[in-house]
């Protein structure tokens, strides 16, 4: 994914991160290594 920014509340606190999926980069598929990144983050579906 590529980070595009974030959302904040009235107090200036970050409430959400915004990002775009990079197509054809799913782990375990032929294109997984097409885009090289250094960071890997864990996640859980809302």
ModelCIF file with pLDDT and N, C-alpha, C, O atoms, coordinates in Angstrom:
data_MODEL
#
_entry.id   MODEL 
#
_entity.id                         1 
_entity.type                       polymer 
_entity.pdbx_number_of_molecules   1 
#
_entity_poly.entity_id                      1 
_entity_poly.type                           'polypeptide(L)' 
_entity_poly.nstd_linkage                   no 
_entity_poly.nstd_monomer                   no 
_entity_poly.pdbx_seq_one_letter_code       
;(UNK)(UNK)(UNK)(UNK)(UNK)(UNK)(UNK)(UNK)(UNK)(UNK)(UNK)(UNK)(UNK)(UNK)(UNK)(UNK)
(UNK)(UNK)(UNK)(UNK)(UNK)(UNK)(UNK)(UNK)(UNK)(UNK)(UNK)(UNK)(UNK)(UNK)(UNK)(UNK)
(UNK)(UNK)(UNK)(UNK)(UNK)(UNK)(UNK)(UNK)(UNK)(UNK)(UNK)(UNK)(UNK)(UNK)
;
_entity_poly.pdbx_seq_one_letter_code_can   XXXXXXXXXXXXXXXXXXXXXXXXXXXXXXXXXXXXXXXXXXXXXX 
_entity_poly.pdbx_strand_id                 A 
#
loop_
_entity_poly_seq.entity_id 
_entity_poly_seq.num 
_entity_poly_seq.mon_id 
_entity_poly_seq.hetero 
1 1  UNK n 
1 2  UNK n 
1 3  UNK n 
1 4  UNK n 
1 5  UNK n 
1 6  UNK n 
1 7  UNK n 
1 8  UNK n 
1 9  UNK n 
1 10 UNK n 
1 11 UNK n 
1 12 UNK n 
1 13 UNK n 
1 14 UNK n 
1 15 UNK n 
1 16 UNK n 
1 17 UNK n 
1 18 UNK n 
1 19 UNK n 
1 20 UNK n 
1 21 UNK n 
1 22 UNK n 
1 23 UNK n 
1 24 UNK n 
1 25 UNK n 
1 26 UNK n 
1 27 UNK n 
1 28 UNK n 
1 29 UNK n 
1 30 UNK n 
1 31 UNK n 
1 32 UNK n 
1 33 UNK n 
1 34 UNK n 
1 35 UNK n 
1 36 UNK n 
1 37 UNK n 
1 38 UNK n 
1 39 UNK n 
1 40 UNK n 
1 41 UNK n 
1 42 UNK n 
1 43 UNK n 
1 44 UNK n 
1 45 UNK n 
1 46 UNK n 
#
_struct_asym.id          A 
_struct_asym.entity_id   1 
#
loop_
_ma_qa_metric.id 
_ma_qa_metric.mode 
_ma_qa_metric.name 
_ma_qa_metric.software_group_id 
_ma_qa_metric.type 
1 global pLDDT . pLDDT 
2 local  pLDDT . pLDDT 
#
_ma_qa_metric_global.metric_id      1 
_ma_qa_metric_global.metric_value   94.91 
_ma_qa_metric_global.model_id       1 
_ma_qa_metric_global.ordinal_id     1 
#
loop_
_ma_qa_metric_local.label_asym_id 
_ma_qa_metric_local.label_comp_id 
_ma_qa_metric_local.label_seq_id 
_ma_qa_metric_local.metric_id 
_ma_qa_metric_local.metric_value 
_ma_qa_metric_local.model_id 
_ma_qa_metric_local.ordinal_id 
A UNK 1  2 97.00 1 1  
A UNK 2  2 97.00 1 2  
A UNK 3  2 98.00 1 3  
A UNK 4  2 97.00 1 4  
A UNK 5  2 97.00 1 5  
A UNK 6  2 97.00 1 6  
A UNK 7  2 97.00 1 7  
A UNK 8  2 96.00 1 8  
A UNK 9  2 96.00 1 9  
A UNK 10 2 96.00 1 10 
A UNK 11 2 95.00 1 11 
A UNK 12 2 94.00 1 12 
A UNK 13 2 95.00 1 13 
A UNK 14 2 97.00 1 14 
A UNK 15 2 97.00 1 15 
A UNK 16 2 98.00 1 16 
A UNK 17 2 98.00 1 17 
A UNK 18 2 98.00 1 18 
A UNK 19 2 98.00 1 19 
A UNK 20 2 98.00 1 20 
A UNK 21 2 97.00 1 21 
A UNK 22 2 96.00 1 22 
A UNK 23 2 94.00 1 23 
A UNK 24 2 93.00 1 24 
A UNK 25 2 95.00 1 25 
A UNK 26 2 95.00 1 26 
A UNK 27 2 94.00 1 27 
A UNK 28 2 91.00 1 28 
A UNK 29 2 92.00 1 29 
A UNK 30 2 89.00 1 30 
A UNK 31 2 82.00 1 31 
A UNK 32 2 88.00 1 32 
A UNK 33 2 87.00 1 33 
A UNK 34 2 87.00 1 34 
A UNK 35 2 92.00 1 35 
A UNK 36 2 92.00 1 36 
A UNK 37 2 95.00 1 37 
A UNK 38 2 94.00 1 38 
A UNK 39 2 95.00 1 39 
A UNK 40 2 96.00 1 40 
A UNK 41 2 97.00 1 41 
A UNK 42 2 97.00 1 42 
A UNK 43 2 98.00 1 43 
A UNK 44 2 98.00 1 44 
A UNK 45 2 98.00 1 45 
A UNK 46 2 98.00 1 46 
#
loop_
_atom_site.group_PDB 
_atom_site.id 
_atom_site.type_symbol 
_atom_site.label_atom_id 
_atom_site.label_alt_id 
_atom_site.label_comp_id 
_atom_site.label_asym_id 
_atom_site.label_entity_id 
_atom_site.label_seq_id 
_atom_site.pdbx_PDB_ins_code 
_atom_site.Cartn_x 
_atom_site.Cartn_y 
_atom_site.Cartn_z 
_atom_site.occupancy 
_atom_site.B_iso_or_equiv 
_atom_site.pdbx_formal_charge 
_atom_site.auth_seq_id 
_atom_site.auth_comp_id 
_atom_site.auth_asym_id 
_atom_site.auth_atom_id 
_atom_site.pdbx_PDB_model_num 
ATOM 1   N N  . UNK A 1 1  ? 0.854   -1.189  0.000  1.00 97.00 ? 1  UNK A N  1 
ATOM 2   C CA . UNK A 1 1  ? 0.000   0.000   0.000  1.00 97.00 ? 1  UNK A CA 1 
ATOM 3   C C  . UNK A 1 1  ? 0.894   1.245   0.000  1.00 97.00 ? 1  UNK A C  1 
ATOM 4   O O  . UNK A 1 1  ? 2.053   1.203   0.411  1.00 97.00 ? 1  UNK A O  1 
ATOM 5   N N  . UNK A 1 2  ? 0.316   2.352   -0.475 1.00 97.00 ? 2  UNK A N  1 
ATOM 6   C CA . UNK A 1 2  ? 1.020   3.635   -0.464 1.00 97.00 ? 2  UNK A CA 1 
ATOM 7   C C  . UNK A 1 2  ? 0.223   4.621   0.366  1.00 97.00 ? 2  UNK A C  1 
ATOM 8   O O  . UNK A 1 2  ? -0.950  4.865   0.085  1.00 97.00 ? 2  UNK A O  1 
ATOM 9   N N  . UNK A 1 3  ? 0.843   5.186   1.379  1.00 98.00 ? 3  UNK A N  1 
ATOM 10  C CA . UNK A 1 3  ? 0.160   6.124   2.268  1.00 98.00 ? 3  UNK A CA 1 
ATOM 11  C C  . UNK A 1 3  ? -0.087  7.450   1.541  1.00 98.00 ? 3  UNK A C  1 
ATOM 12  O O  . UNK A 1 3  ? 0.803   7.983   0.879  1.00 98.00 ? 3  UNK A O  1 
ATOM 13  N N  . UNK A 1 4  ? -1.301  7.966   1.676  1.00 97.00 ? 4  UNK A N  1 
ATOM 14  C CA . UNK A 1 4  ? -1.643  9.229   1.018  1.00 97.00 ? 4  UNK A CA 1 
ATOM 15  C C  . UNK A 1 4  ? -1.938  10.353  2.013  1.00 97.00 ? 4  UNK A C  1 
ATOM 16  O O  . UNK A 1 4  ? -2.100  11.509  1.619  1.00 97.00 ? 4  UNK A O  1 
ATOM 17  N N  . UNK A 1 5  ? -2.006  10.013  3.295  1.00 97.00 ? 5  UNK A N  1 
ATOM 18  C CA . UNK A 1 5  ? -2.290  11.055  4.270  1.00 97.00 ? 5  UNK A CA 1 
ATOM 19  C C  . UNK A 1 5  ? -3.038  10.501  5.462  1.00 97.00 ? 5  UNK A C  1 
ATOM 20  O O  . UNK A 1 5  ? -2.954  9.310   5.762  1.00 97.00 ? 5  UNK A O  1 
ATOM 21  N N  . UNK A 1 6  ? -3.773  11.372  6.143  1.00 97.00 ? 6  UNK A N  1 
ATOM 22  C CA . UNK A 1 6  ? -4.502  10.935  7.329  1.00 97.00 ? 6  UNK A CA 1 
ATOM 23  C C  . UNK A 1 6  ? -5.691  11.856  7.579  1.00 97.00 ? 6  UNK A C  1 
ATOM 24  O O  . UNK A 1 6  ? -5.799  12.929  6.984  1.00 97.00 ? 6  UNK A O  1 
ATOM 25  N N  . UNK A 1 7  ? -6.584  11.419  8.472  1.00 97.00 ? 7  UNK A N  1 
ATOM 26  C CA . UNK A 1 7  ? -7.716  12.226  8.914  1.00 97.00 ? 7  UNK A CA 1 
ATOM 27  C C  . UNK A 1 7  ? -7.508  12.590  10.376 1.00 97.00 ? 7  UNK A C  1 
ATOM 28  O O  . UNK A 1 7  ? -6.936  11.818  11.146 1.00 97.00 ? 7  UNK A O  1 
ATOM 29  N N  . UNK A 1 8  ? -7.980  13.781  10.749 1.00 96.00 ? 8  UNK A N  1 
ATOM 30  C CA . UNK A 1 8  ? -7.834  14.239  12.119 1.00 96.00 ? 8  UNK A CA 1 
ATOM 31  C C  . UNK A 1 8  ? -9.161  14.766  12.641 1.00 96.00 ? 8  UNK A C  1 
ATOM 32  O O  . UNK A 1 8  ? -10.030 15.170  11.868 1.00 96.00 ? 8  UNK A O  1 
ATOM 33  N N  . UNK A 1 9  ? -9.307  14.760  13.960 1.00 96.00 ? 9  UNK A N  1 
ATOM 34  C CA . UNK A 1 9  ? -10.502 15.332  14.565 1.00 96.00 ? 9  UNK A CA 1 
ATOM 35  C C  . UNK A 1 9  ? -10.278 16.810  14.884 1.00 96.00 ? 9  UNK A C  1 
ATOM 36  O O  . UNK A 1 9  ? -9.245  17.378  14.529 1.00 96.00 ? 9  UNK A O  1 
ATOM 37  N N  . UNK A 1 10 ? -11.242 17.421  15.549 1.00 96.00 ? 10 UNK A N  1 
ATOM 38  C CA . UNK A 1 10 ? -11.175 18.856  15.828 1.00 96.00 ? 10 UNK A CA 1 
ATOM 39  C C  . UNK A 1 10 ? -10.010 19.214  16.742 1.00 96.00 ? 10 UNK A C  1 
ATOM 40  O O  . UNK A 1 10 ? -9.537  20.350  16.739 1.00 96.00 ? 10 UNK A O  1 
ATOM 41  N N  . UNK A 1 11 ? -9.555  18.250  17.515 1.00 95.00 ? 11 UNK A N  1 
ATOM 42  C CA . UNK A 1 11 ? -8.429  18.491  18.422 1.00 95.00 ? 11 UNK A CA 1 
ATOM 43  C C  . UNK A 1 11 ? -7.086  18.248  17.743 1.00 95.00 ? 11 UNK A C  1 
ATOM 44  O O  . UNK A 1 11 ? -6.036  18.386  18.372 1.00 95.00 ? 11 UNK A O  1 
ATOM 45  N N  . UNK A 1 12 ? -7.116  17.893  16.484 1.00 94.00 ? 12 UNK A N  1 
ATOM 46  C CA . UNK A 1 12 ? -5.884  17.653  15.761 1.00 94.00 ? 12 UNK A CA 1 
ATOM 47  C C  . UNK A 1 12 ? -5.314  16.262  15.950 1.00 94.00 ? 12 UNK A C  1 
ATOM 48  O O  . UNK A 1 12 ? -4.181  15.994  15.550 1.00 94.00 ? 12 UNK A O  1 
ATOM 49  N N  . UNK A 1 13 ? -6.097  15.362  16.564 1.00 95.00 ? 13 UNK A N  1 
ATOM 50  C CA . UNK A 1 13 ? -5.634  13.988  16.782 1.00 95.00 ? 13 UNK A CA 1 
ATOM 51  C C  . UNK A 1 13 ? -5.908  13.144  15.546 1.00 95.00 ? 13 UNK A C  1 
ATOM 52  O O  . UNK A 1 13 ? -6.953  13.285  14.911 1.00 95.00 ? 13 UNK A O  1 
ATOM 53  N N  . UNK A 1 14 ? -4.987  12.282  15.210 1.00 97.00 ? 14 UNK A N  1 
ATOM 54  C CA . UNK A 1 14 ? -5.132  11.433  14.024 1.00 97.00 ? 14 UNK A CA 1 
ATOM 55  C C  . UNK A 1 14 ? -6.188  10.369  14.313 1.00 97.00 ? 14 UNK A C  1 
ATOM 56  O O  . UNK A 1 14 ? -6.076  9.631   15.292 1.00 97.00 ? 14 UNK A O  1 
ATOM 57  N N  . UNK A 1 15 ? -7.195  10.289  13.480 1.00 97.00 ? 15 UNK A N  1 
ATOM 58  C CA . UNK A 1 15 ? -8.280  9.320   13.643 1.00 97.00 ? 15 UNK A CA 1 
ATOM 59  C C  . UNK A 1 15 ? -8.249  8.204   12.608 1.00 97.00 ? 15 UNK A C  1 
ATOM 60  O O  . UNK A 1 15 ? -8.849  7.150   12.822 1.00 97.00 ? 15 UNK A O  1 
ATOM 61  N N  . UNK A 1 16 ? -7.566  8.414   11.498 1.00 98.00 ? 16 UNK A N  1 
ATOM 62  C CA . UNK A 1 16 ? -7.480  7.379   10.465 1.00 98.00 ? 16 UNK A CA 1 
ATOM 63  C C  . UNK A 1 16 ? -6.317  7.691   9.537  1.00 98.00 ? 16 UNK A C  1 
ATOM 64  O O  . UNK A 1 16 ? -5.967  8.850   9.316  1.00 98.00 ? 16 UNK A O  1 
ATOM 65  N N  . UNK A 1 17 ? -5.729  6.635   9.002  1.00 98.00 ? 17 UNK A N  1 
ATOM 66  C CA . UNK A 1 17 ? -4.671  6.751   7.999  1.00 98.00 ? 17 UNK A CA 1 
ATOM 67  C C  . UNK A 1 17 ? -5.293  6.431   6.643  1.00 98.00 ? 17 UNK A C  1 
ATOM 68  O O  . UNK A 1 17 ? -6.145  5.548   6.542  1.00 98.00 ? 17 UNK A O  1 
ATOM 69  N N  . UNK A 1 18 ? -4.879  7.128   5.628  1.00 98.00 ? 18 UNK A N  1 
ATOM 70  C CA . UNK A 1 18 ? -5.389  6.899   4.274  1.00 98.00 ? 18 UNK A CA 1 
ATOM 71  C C  . UNK A 1 18 ? -4.284  6.300   3.417  1.00 98.00 ? 18 UNK A C  1 
ATOM 72  O O  . UNK A 1 18 ? -3.126  6.710   3.501  1.00 98.00 ? 18 UNK A O  1 
ATOM 73  N N  . UNK A 1 19 ? -4.656  5.319   2.587  1.00 98.00 ? 19 UNK A N  1 
ATOM 74  C CA . UNK A 1 19 ? -3.653  4.685   1.731  1.00 98.00 ? 19 UNK A CA 1 
ATOM 75  C C  . UNK A 1 19 ? -4.336  4.083   0.514  1.00 98.00 ? 19 UNK A C  1 
ATOM 76  O O  . UNK A 1 19 ? -5.544  3.844   0.510  1.00 98.00 ? 19 UNK A O  1 
ATOM 77  N N  . UNK A 1 20 ? -3.533  3.843   -0.518 1.00 98.00 ? 20 UNK A N  1 
ATOM 78  C CA . UNK A 1 20 ? -3.999  3.184   -1.743 1.00 98.00 ? 20 UNK A CA 1 
ATOM 79  C C  . UNK A 1 20 ? -3.367  1.810   -1.846 1.00 98.00 ? 20 UNK A C  1 
ATOM 80  O O  . UNK A 1 20 ? -2.182  1.641   -1.557 1.00 98.00 ? 20 UNK A O  1 
ATOM 81  N N  . UNK A 1 21 ? -4.173  0.808   -2.266 1.00 97.00 ? 21 UNK A N  1 
ATOM 82  C CA . UNK A 1 21 ? -3.628  -0.508  -2.592 1.00 97.00 ? 21 UNK A CA 1 
ATOM 83  C C  . UNK A 1 21 ? -2.840  -0.411  -3.889 1.00 97.00 ? 21 UNK A C  1 
ATOM 84  O O  . UNK A 1 21 ? -3.277  0.249   -4.832 1.00 97.00 ? 21 UNK A O  1 
ATOM 85  N N  . UNK A 1 22 ? -1.705  -1.051  -3.943 1.00 96.00 ? 22 UNK A N  1 
ATOM 86  C CA . UNK A 1 22 ? -0.955  -1.158  -5.190 1.00 96.00 ? 22 UNK A CA 1 
ATOM 87  C C  . UNK A 1 22 ? -1.393  -2.462  -5.851 1.00 96.00 ? 22 UNK A C  1 
ATOM 88  O O  . UNK A 1 22 ? -1.155  -3.533  -5.293 1.00 96.00 ? 22 UNK A O  1 
ATOM 89  N N  . UNK A 1 23 ? -2.019  -2.404  -7.010 1.00 94.00 ? 23 UNK A N  1 
ATOM 90  C CA . UNK A 1 23 ? -2.552  -3.621  -7.643 1.00 94.00 ? 23 UNK A CA 1 
ATOM 91  C C  . UNK A 1 23 ? -1.455  -4.648  -7.933 1.00 94.00 ? 23 UNK A C  1 
ATOM 92  O O  . UNK A 1 23 ? -0.280  -4.314  -8.091 1.00 94.00 ? 23 UNK A O  1 
ATOM 93  N N  . UNK A 1 24 ? -1.885  -5.899  -7.996 1.00 93.00 ? 24 UNK A N  1 
ATOM 94  C CA . UNK A 1 24 ? -1.020  -7.015  -8.418 1.00 93.00 ? 24 UNK A CA 1 
ATOM 95  C C  . UNK A 1 24 ? 0.214   -7.180  -7.520 1.00 93.00 ? 24 UNK A C  1 
ATOM 96  O O  . UNK A 1 24 ? 1.279   -7.565  -8.002 1.00 93.00 ? 24 UNK A O  1 
ATOM 97  N N  . UNK A 1 25 ? 0.081   -6.894  -6.231 1.00 95.00 ? 25 UNK A N  1 
ATOM 98  C CA . UNK A 1 25 ? 1.224   -7.072  -5.312 1.00 95.00 ? 25 UNK A CA 1 
ATOM 99  C C  . UNK A 1 25 ? 0.866   -7.988  -4.144 1.00 95.00 ? 25 UNK A C  1 
ATOM 100 O O  . UNK A 1 25 ? 1.544   -7.982  -3.117 1.00 95.00 ? 25 UNK A O  1 
ATOM 101 N N  . UNK A 1 26 ? -0.191  -8.768  -4.301 1.00 95.00 ? 26 UNK A N  1 
ATOM 102 C CA . UNK A 1 26 ? -0.641  -9.625  -3.202 1.00 95.00 ? 26 UNK A CA 1 
ATOM 103 C C  . UNK A 1 26 ? 0.409   -10.679 -2.873 1.00 95.00 ? 26 UNK A C  1 
ATOM 104 O O  . UNK A 1 26 ? 1.001   -11.286 -3.766 1.00 95.00 ? 26 UNK A O  1 
ATOM 105 N N  . UNK A 1 27 ? 0.626   -10.884 -1.594 1.00 94.00 ? 27 UNK A N  1 
ATOM 106 C CA . UNK A 1 27 ? 1.591   -11.896 -1.150 1.00 94.00 ? 27 UNK A CA 1 
ATOM 107 C C  . UNK A 1 27 ? 1.218   -13.256 -1.713 1.00 94.00 ? 27 UNK A C  1 
ATOM 108 O O  . UNK A 1 27 ? 0.048   -13.639 -1.729 1.00 94.00 ? 27 UNK A O  1 
ATOM 109 N N  . UNK A 1 28 ? 2.230   -13.980 -2.174 1.00 91.00 ? 28 UNK A N  1 
ATOM 110 C CA . UNK A 1 28 ? 2.010   -15.314 -2.710 1.00 91.00 ? 28 UNK A CA 1 
ATOM 111 C C  . UNK A 1 28 ? 1.660   -15.362 -4.176 1.00 91.00 ? 28 UNK A C  1 
ATOM 112 O O  . UNK A 1 28 ? 1.497   -16.448 -4.732 1.00 91.00 ? 28 UNK A O  1 
ATOM 113 N N  . UNK A 1 29 ? 1.537   -14.188 -4.837 1.00 92.00 ? 29 UNK A N  1 
ATOM 114 C CA . UNK A 1 29 ? 1.241   -14.149 -6.267 1.00 92.00 ? 29 UNK A CA 1 
ATOM 115 C C  . UNK A 1 29 ? 2.510   -13.776 -7.028 1.00 92.00 ? 29 UNK A C  1 
ATOM 116 O O  . UNK A 1 29 ? 3.464   -13.277 -6.432 1.00 92.00 ? 29 UNK A O  1 
ATOM 117 N N  . UNK A 1 30 ? 2.529   -14.016 -8.353 1.00 89.00 ? 30 UNK A N  1 
ATOM 118 C CA . UNK A 1 30 ? 3.739   -13.714 -9.140 1.00 89.00 ? 30 UNK A CA 1 
ATOM 119 C C  . UNK A 1 30 ? 4.188   -12.263 -9.047 1.00 89.00 ? 30 UNK A C  1 
ATOM 120 O O  . UNK A 1 30 ? 5.378   -11.979 -9.183 1.00 89.00 ? 30 UNK A O  1 
ATOM 121 N N  . UNK A 1 31 ? 3.248   -11.328 -8.815 1.00 82.00 ? 31 UNK A N  1 
ATOM 122 C CA . UNK A 1 31 ? 3.629   -9.920  -8.773 1.00 82.00 ? 31 UNK A CA 1 
ATOM 123 C C  . UNK A 1 31 ? 3.978   -9.406  -7.391 1.00 82.00 ? 31 UNK A C  1 
ATOM 124 O O  . UNK A 1 31 ? 4.166   -8.204  -7.199 1.00 82.00 ? 31 UNK A O  1 
ATOM 125 N N  . UNK A 1 32 ? 4.068   -10.318 -6.422 1.00 88.00 ? 32 UNK A N  1 
ATOM 126 C CA . UNK A 1 32 ? 4.271   -9.876  -5.047 1.00 88.00 ? 32 UNK A CA 1 
ATOM 127 C C  . UNK A 1 32 ? 5.543   -9.068  -4.871 1.00 88.00 ? 32 UNK A C  1 
ATOM 128 O O  . UNK A 1 32 ? 5.586   -8.149  -4.053 1.00 88.00 ? 32 UNK A O  1 
ATOM 129 N N  . UNK A 1 33 ? 6.575   -9.398  -5.626 1.00 87.00 ? 33 UNK A N  1 
ATOM 130 C CA . UNK A 1 33 ? 7.859   -8.710  -5.456 1.00 87.00 ? 33 UNK A CA 1 
ATOM 131 C C  . UNK A 1 33 ? 8.075   -7.597  -6.481 1.00 87.00 ? 33 UNK A C  1 
ATOM 132 O O  . UNK A 1 33 ? 9.178   -7.064  -6.597 1.00 87.00 ? 33 UNK A O  1 
ATOM 133 N N  . UNK A 1 34 ? 7.019   -7.246  -7.224 1.00 87.00 ? 34 UNK A N  1 
ATOM 134 C CA . UNK A 1 34 ? 7.184   -6.229  -8.269 1.00 87.00 ? 34 UNK A CA 1 
ATOM 135 C C  . UNK A 1 34 ? 7.522   -4.863  -7.668 1.00 87.00 ? 34 UNK A C  1 
ATOM 136 O O  . UNK A 1 34 ? 8.224   -4.058  -8.280 1.00 87.00 ? 34 UNK A O  1 
ATOM 137 N N  . UNK A 1 35 ? 7.012   -4.621  -6.469 1.00 92.00 ? 35 UNK A N  1 
ATOM 138 C CA . UNK A 1 35 ? 7.290   -3.361  -5.785 1.00 92.00 ? 35 UNK A CA 1 
ATOM 139 C C  . UNK A 1 35 ? 8.067   -3.675  -4.514 1.00 92.00 ? 35 UNK A C  1 
ATOM 140 O O  . UNK A 1 35 ? 7.582   -4.387  -3.634 1.00 92.00 ? 35 UNK A O  1 
ATOM 141 N N  . UNK A 1 36 ? 9.268   -3.141  -4.430 1.00 92.00 ? 36 UNK A N  1 
ATOM 142 C CA . UNK A 1 36 ? 10.115  -3.415  -3.271 1.00 92.00 ? 36 UNK A CA 1 
ATOM 143 C C  . UNK A 1 36 ? 9.801   -2.428  -2.144 1.00 92.00 ? 36 UNK A C  1 
ATOM 144 O O  . UNK A 1 36 ? 9.740   -1.220  -2.369 1.00 92.00 ? 36 UNK A O  1 
ATOM 145 N N  . UNK A 1 37 ? 9.603   -2.950  -0.933 1.00 95.00 ? 37 UNK A N  1 
ATOM 146 C CA . UNK A 1 37 ? 9.363   -2.098  0.226  1.00 95.00 ? 37 UNK A CA 1 
ATOM 147 C C  . UNK A 1 37 ? 10.209  -2.605  1.392  1.00 95.00 ? 37 UNK A C  1 
ATOM 148 O O  . UNK A 1 37 ? 10.583  -3.776  1.450  1.00 95.00 ? 37 UNK A O  1 
ATOM 149 N N  . UNK A 1 38 ? 10.492  -1.710  2.298  1.00 94.00 ? 38 UNK A N  1 
ATOM 150 C CA . UNK A 1 38 ? 11.263  -2.088  3.477  1.00 94.00 ? 38 UNK A CA 1 
ATOM 151 C C  . UNK A 1 38 ? 10.379  -2.338  4.703  1.00 94.00 ? 38 UNK A C  1 
ATOM 152 O O  . UNK A 1 38 ? 10.779  -3.051  5.624  1.00 94.00 ? 38 UNK A O  1 
ATOM 153 N N  . UNK A 1 39 ? 9.201   -1.763  4.712  1.00 95.00 ? 39 UNK A N  1 
ATOM 154 C CA . UNK A 1 39 ? 8.330   -1.882  5.877  1.00 95.00 ? 39 UNK A CA 1 
ATOM 155 C C  . UNK A 1 39 ? 7.229   -2.906  5.685  1.00 95.00 ? 39 UNK A C  1 
ATOM 156 O O  . UNK A 1 39 ? 6.592   -2.950  4.633  1.00 95.00 ? 39 UNK A O  1 
ATOM 157 N N  . UNK A 1 40 ? 7.002   -3.735  6.701  1.00 96.00 ? 40 UNK A N  1 
ATOM 158 C CA . UNK A 1 40 ? 5.906   -4.707  6.707  1.00 96.00 ? 40 UNK A CA 1 
ATOM 159 C C  . UNK A 1 40 ? 5.133   -4.506  8.000  1.00 96.00 ? 40 UNK A C  1 
ATOM 160 O O  . UNK A 1 40 ? 5.717   -4.509  9.084  1.00 96.00 ? 40 UNK A O  1 
ATOM 161 N N  . UNK A 1 41 ? 3.817   -4.329  7.889  1.00 97.00 ? 41 UNK A N  1 
ATOM 162 C CA . UNK A 1 41 ? 3.023   -4.064  9.087  1.00 97.00 ? 41 UNK A CA 1 
ATOM 163 C C  . UNK A 1 41 ? 1.907   -5.096  9.220  1.00 97.00 ? 41 UNK A C  1 
ATOM 164 O O  . UNK A 1 41 ? 1.358   -5.583  8.232  1.00 97.00 ? 41 UNK A O  1 
ATOM 165 N N  . UNK A 1 42 ? 1.592   -5.412  10.476 1.00 97.00 ? 42 UNK A N  1 
ATOM 166 C CA . UNK A 1 42 ? 0.507   -6.351  10.760 1.00 97.00 ? 42 UNK A CA 1 
ATOM 167 C C  . UNK A 1 42 ? -0.811  -5.585  10.812 1.00 97.00 ? 42 UNK A C  1 
ATOM 168 O O  . UNK A 1 42 ? -0.829  -4.374  11.032 1.00 97.00 ? 42 UNK A O  1 
ATOM 169 N N  . UNK A 1 43 ? -1.900  -6.294  10.611 1.00 98.00 ? 43 UNK A N  1 
ATOM 170 C CA . UNK A 1 43 ? -3.203  -5.658  10.511 1.00 98.00 ? 43 UNK A CA 1 
ATOM 171 C C  . UNK A 1 43 ? -4.297  -6.665  10.830 1.00 98.00 ? 43 UNK A C  1 
ATOM 172 O O  . UNK A 1 43 ? -4.074  -7.875  10.833 1.00 98.00 ? 43 UNK A O  1 
ATOM 173 N N  . UNK A 1 44 ? -5.478  -6.137  11.096 1.00 98.00 ? 44 UNK A N  1 
ATOM 174 C CA . UNK A 1 44 ? -6.665  -6.966  11.324 1.00 98.00 ? 44 UNK A CA 1 
ATOM 175 C C  . UNK A 1 44 ? -7.842  -6.245  10.681 1.00 98.00 ? 44 UNK A C  1 
ATOM 176 O O  . UNK A 1 44 ? -7.986  -5.031  10.833 1.00 98.00 ? 44 UNK A O  1 
ATOM 177 N N  . UNK A 1 45 ? -8.666  -6.969  9.978  1.00 98.00 ? 45 UNK A N  1 
ATOM 178 C CA . UNK A 1 45 ? -9.818  -6.364  9.299  1.00 98.00 ? 45 UNK A CA 1 
ATOM 179 C C  . UNK A 1 45 ? -10.797 -5.768  10.310 1.00 98.00 ? 45 UNK A C  1 
ATOM 180 O O  . UNK A 1 45 ? -11.105 -6.384  11.330 1.00 98.00 ? 45 UNK A O  1 
ATOM 181 N N  . UNK A 1 46 ? -11.281 -4.566  10.013 1.00 98.00 ? 46 UNK A N  1 
ATOM 182 C CA . UNK A 1 46 ? -12.299 -3.953  10.857 1.00 98.00 ? 46 UNK A CA 1 
ATOM 183 C C  . UNK A 1 46 ? -13.591 -4.761  10.795 1.00 98.00 ? 46 UNK A C  1 
ATOM 184 O O  . UNK A 1 46 ? -14.574 -4.404  11.443 1.00 98.00 ? 46 UNK A O  1 
#
